[in-house]
Protein backbone atom coordinates (compact mmCIF):
# COMPACT_ATOMS: atom_id res chain seq x y z
CA MET A 1 99.55 115.00 78.12
CA LYS A 2 96.85 116.81 76.17
CA ARG A 3 97.26 116.26 72.44
CA ASN A 4 96.76 118.98 69.83
CA MET A 5 93.80 118.35 67.51
CA PHE A 6 93.33 119.77 64.02
CA ARG A 7 89.99 120.41 62.32
CA LEU A 8 90.24 119.49 58.64
CA ASN A 9 88.12 119.41 55.53
CA LEU A 10 87.95 115.65 55.04
CA GLN A 11 86.87 116.01 51.39
CA TYR A 12 90.46 116.96 50.58
CA PHE A 13 91.70 113.61 51.78
CA ALA A 14 88.72 111.59 50.51
CA ALA A 15 90.94 109.62 48.13
CA ASP A 16 93.05 108.29 51.02
CA SER A 17 90.56 105.65 52.13
CA GLY A 18 93.09 102.83 52.54
CA THR A 19 94.07 101.46 55.92
CA GLY A 20 97.79 102.12 55.48
CA GLU A 21 100.67 99.81 56.43
CA GLY A 22 101.40 98.90 59.99
CA GLY A 23 98.07 100.21 61.28
CA GLY A 24 98.34 101.64 64.79
CA ALA A 25 97.54 99.33 67.68
CA GLY A 26 97.40 102.06 70.31
CA GLU A 27 94.47 104.34 70.95
CA GLY A 28 94.48 107.42 68.69
CA GLU A 29 97.48 106.22 66.65
CA GLY A 30 97.41 106.04 62.83
CA LEU A 31 94.41 106.63 60.63
CA HIS A 32 90.98 105.34 61.53
CA GLN A 33 87.95 104.24 59.56
CA ASP A 34 84.76 104.40 61.63
CA ASP A 35 82.58 102.08 59.56
CA GLY A 36 82.78 104.45 56.59
CA ILE A 37 82.19 107.57 58.69
CA GLY A 38 85.23 109.85 58.52
CA LYS A 39 86.73 111.61 61.55
CA ASP A 40 86.46 115.35 61.77
CA SER A 41 89.57 115.85 63.92
CA TYR A 42 93.12 114.56 63.71
CA THR A 43 96.26 114.56 65.82
CA LYS A 44 99.40 116.26 64.56
CA ASP A 45 100.97 112.89 63.68
CA GLU A 46 97.90 111.87 61.69
CA VAL A 47 97.98 115.14 59.74
CA LEU A 48 101.63 114.52 58.86
CA GLN A 49 100.75 110.99 57.72
CA LEU A 50 98.00 112.31 55.46
CA ILE A 51 100.32 114.91 53.94
CA GLN A 52 103.02 112.28 53.39
CA SER A 53 100.49 109.97 51.73
CA GLU A 54 99.43 112.72 49.32
CA SER A 55 103.08 113.52 48.58
CA ASP A 56 103.82 109.84 47.89
CA LYS A 57 100.94 109.73 45.39
CA ARG A 58 102.35 112.69 43.47
CA VAL A 59 105.80 111.09 43.39
CA GLN A 60 104.33 107.82 42.10
CA GLN A 61 102.44 109.66 39.38
CA ALA A 62 105.62 111.45 38.30
CA LEU A 63 107.50 108.14 38.22
CA LYS A 64 104.78 106.55 36.06
CA THR A 65 104.97 109.46 33.61
CA GLN A 66 108.75 109.16 33.42
CA GLN A 67 108.48 105.39 32.96
CA LYS A 68 106.13 105.83 30.00
CA LYS A 69 108.61 108.21 28.38
CA TYR A 70 111.44 105.74 28.99
CA GLU A 71 109.46 102.81 27.56
CA LYS A 72 108.56 104.86 24.49
CA GLU A 73 112.21 105.75 23.90
CA LEU A 74 113.28 102.14 24.48
CA SER A 75 110.71 100.90 21.97
CA LYS A 76 111.95 103.46 19.46
CA GLN A 77 115.56 102.34 19.87
CA LYS A 78 114.62 98.66 19.55
CA SER A 79 112.90 99.37 16.25
CA LEU A 80 116.22 100.67 14.88
CA VAL A 81 118.26 97.61 15.84
CA GLY A 82 119.58 95.64 12.87
CA LEU A 83 118.91 98.34 10.29
CA ASP A 84 121.62 99.48 7.93
CA GLU A 85 122.66 103.13 7.93
CA GLU A 86 120.24 104.20 5.20
CA ALA A 87 117.26 102.33 6.67
CA ARG A 88 118.11 103.60 10.16
CA GLY A 89 118.23 107.18 8.90
CA GLN A 90 114.83 106.80 7.24
CA ALA A 91 113.33 105.20 10.35
CA GLU A 92 114.63 108.01 12.55
CA LYS A 93 113.21 110.57 10.14
CA ASP A 94 109.81 108.85 10.19
CA GLN A 95 109.84 108.75 13.99
CA ARG A 96 110.71 112.43 14.16
CA ILE A 97 107.88 113.28 11.77
CA SER A 98 105.49 111.26 13.92
CA GLU A 99 106.63 113.11 17.06
CA LEU A 100 106.22 116.49 15.36
CA GLU A 101 102.72 115.56 14.19
CA GLU A 102 101.82 114.56 17.75
CA GLU A 103 103.13 117.87 19.12
CA LEU A 104 101.28 119.79 16.42
CA SER A 105 98.06 117.97 17.31
CA LYS A 106 98.47 118.93 20.98
CA PHE A 107 99.17 122.54 19.98
CA ARG A 108 96.06 122.72 17.82
CA LEU A 109 93.94 121.18 20.57
CA SER A 110 95.26 123.73 23.06
CA ASN A 111 94.48 126.60 20.69
CA THR A 112 91.01 125.23 20.02
CA LYS A 113 90.32 125.06 23.77
CA ALA A 114 91.39 128.68 24.17
CA GLU A 115 89.08 129.83 21.37
CA ILE A 116 86.14 127.71 22.50
CA SER A 117 86.51 129.04 26.07
CA LYS A 118 85.93 132.55 24.68
CA VAL A 119 82.86 131.37 22.76
CA LEU A 120 81.45 129.74 25.90
CA ASN A 121 81.92 132.96 27.86
CA ASN A 122 80.26 135.01 25.13
CA ARG A 123 77.29 132.64 25.14
CA GLY A 124 76.96 132.94 28.92
CA LEU A 125 78.04 129.33 29.42
CA ASP A 126 80.54 128.08 31.98
CA ALA A 127 84.06 128.04 30.49
CA ASN A 128 84.75 124.88 32.51
CA LEU A 129 82.66 123.03 29.92
CA VAL A 130 85.56 123.39 27.48
CA ASP A 131 86.99 119.94 28.30
CA PHE A 132 83.61 118.39 27.52
CA VAL A 133 83.13 120.38 24.33
CA VAL A 134 86.65 120.14 22.90
CA THR A 135 87.58 116.53 22.16
CA THR A 136 89.23 117.25 18.80
CA ASP A 137 90.73 120.31 17.11
CA ASP A 138 87.73 120.44 14.76
CA THR A 139 86.31 123.88 15.56
CA GLU A 140 83.09 123.27 13.64
CA GLU A 141 82.33 120.14 15.65
CA CYS A 142 83.00 122.03 18.89
CA LEU A 143 80.70 124.88 17.86
CA GLU A 144 77.92 122.38 17.13
CA LYS A 145 78.28 121.03 20.67
CA ILE A 146 78.11 124.56 22.08
CA GLU A 147 74.97 125.20 20.04
CA SER A 148 73.36 122.10 21.57
CA LEU A 149 74.39 123.08 25.10
CA ASP A 150 73.15 126.63 24.56
CA LYS A 151 69.73 125.36 23.51
CA ILE A 152 69.54 123.01 26.49
CA PHE A 153 70.41 125.70 29.03
CA LYS A 154 68.08 128.27 27.50
CA ALA A 155 65.26 125.72 27.50
CA MET A 156 65.94 125.08 31.20
CA LEU A 157 65.92 128.81 31.90
CA LYS A 158 62.68 129.34 29.96
CA LYS A 159 61.05 126.49 31.86
CA GLU A 160 62.09 128.06 35.16
CA VAL A 161 60.84 131.50 34.12
CA ASP A 162 57.52 130.16 32.84
CA ALA A 163 57.01 128.14 36.01
CA ARG A 164 57.61 131.18 38.21
CA LEU A 165 55.34 133.39 36.11
CA LYS A 166 52.61 130.75 36.04
CA SER A 167 52.76 130.21 39.78
CA GLY A 168 52.44 133.95 40.35
CA ALA A 169 55.40 133.93 42.68
CA THR A 170 56.19 137.43 43.83
CA THR A 171 59.63 138.91 43.66
CA PRO A 172 61.07 139.55 47.13
CA LYS A 173 61.11 143.24 48.04
CA SER A 174 64.87 143.06 48.48
CA SER A 175 65.31 141.95 44.87
CA THR A 176 65.34 144.64 42.20
CA ALA A 177 67.09 142.53 39.55
CA GLY A 178 66.69 144.18 36.17
CA LEU A 179 64.65 147.16 37.31
CA ASP A 180 67.31 149.74 36.52
CA GLY A 181 68.28 148.05 33.23
CA SER A 182 71.99 148.20 34.06
CA ILE A 183 72.76 144.47 33.97
CA THR A 184 75.44 143.41 31.48
CA ARG A 185 75.53 140.12 29.58
CA GLU A 186 78.47 138.98 31.69
CA GLN A 187 76.65 139.75 34.95
CA PHE A 188 73.52 138.04 33.67
CA SER A 189 75.41 134.89 32.64
CA LYS A 190 76.80 134.52 36.17
CA MET A 191 73.38 134.78 37.82
CA PRO A 192 71.65 131.60 39.07
CA LEU A 193 68.48 130.62 37.23
CA THR A 194 66.28 132.04 39.98
CA GLU A 195 67.79 135.52 39.63
CA GLN A 196 67.61 135.35 35.84
CA ALA A 197 63.94 134.50 36.23
CA GLU A 198 63.50 137.59 38.40
CA VAL A 199 65.09 139.73 35.69
CA ALA A 200 62.52 138.34 33.27
CA LYS A 201 59.71 139.28 35.64
CA ASN A 202 61.03 142.75 36.42
CA ASN A 203 62.18 143.76 32.95
CA ARG A 204 61.14 141.42 30.14
CA GLN A 205 62.63 143.65 27.44
CA LEU A 206 66.02 143.61 29.15
CA TYR A 207 65.78 139.84 29.63
CA ASP A 208 65.09 139.31 25.91
CA GLU A 209 68.03 141.55 25.05
CA LEU A 210 70.39 139.65 27.36
CA THR A 211 69.37 136.20 26.12
CA LYS A 212 69.29 136.82 22.39
CA ARG A 213 72.25 135.71 20.31
C-alpha cells in the first residue's frame, strides 16, 4: 500500500531531537535521525507523533508552572505553623504586602516595555529589541541603552553609505528610492541598509532629514 507523505518545515520541530521511547524496528516506523541530517518528509503516523510530542511538552511546562505555585503556597503555609494568632496575622500581612509589591513590579515593567517600544519605533529601531533594552522599570536606564543602540546602528548605516559612495557603485535603474522625496520616517526605518544607502545617494537632504533626531 502506498503511504501518504507530508512535506514539513523541519525547523518547527528542531527541538524534538530525541530518539523517543520504543523506537520503531520496522522500516519507516517512528522518528529517524540520519546522522544529524533531518528528513524532509514524514508519514502520517510520524506527523501525529511529532504533534503529540509538542503537546506533551506544553503540558509538562504547565505542570511545572503549577508546581512552582503550589510549592510557594506550601512554603508560605509552613512559615505560619506554630505562630500565635497575633504573629500569624502579622506574618500573613507581610506576605500579602510582598505579593502586592511583586505584582506592582511586574505591572511597572510591563508599562515600561510598552513605552520603550514606542521610543524604539520613533527612533527607527526594531521594537523586538524591547526585551533586551528593558531589564528593569528604570526608564532612564532604558533610554540610555536605546541611545547606545541608536548610535551603533547609525554608525553602521553611515559606514555602509560611505562605502557605497566611495566605491562609486551606481544605483540600479529600477531603484528610485528618495528621488520623489515622499519617504516617511516609518518607511525609511523599515528599509534594509542597502536601500537606505540608496536614499542617501539619490537625495542626501531627505536622508539627513530622515536620520536626524
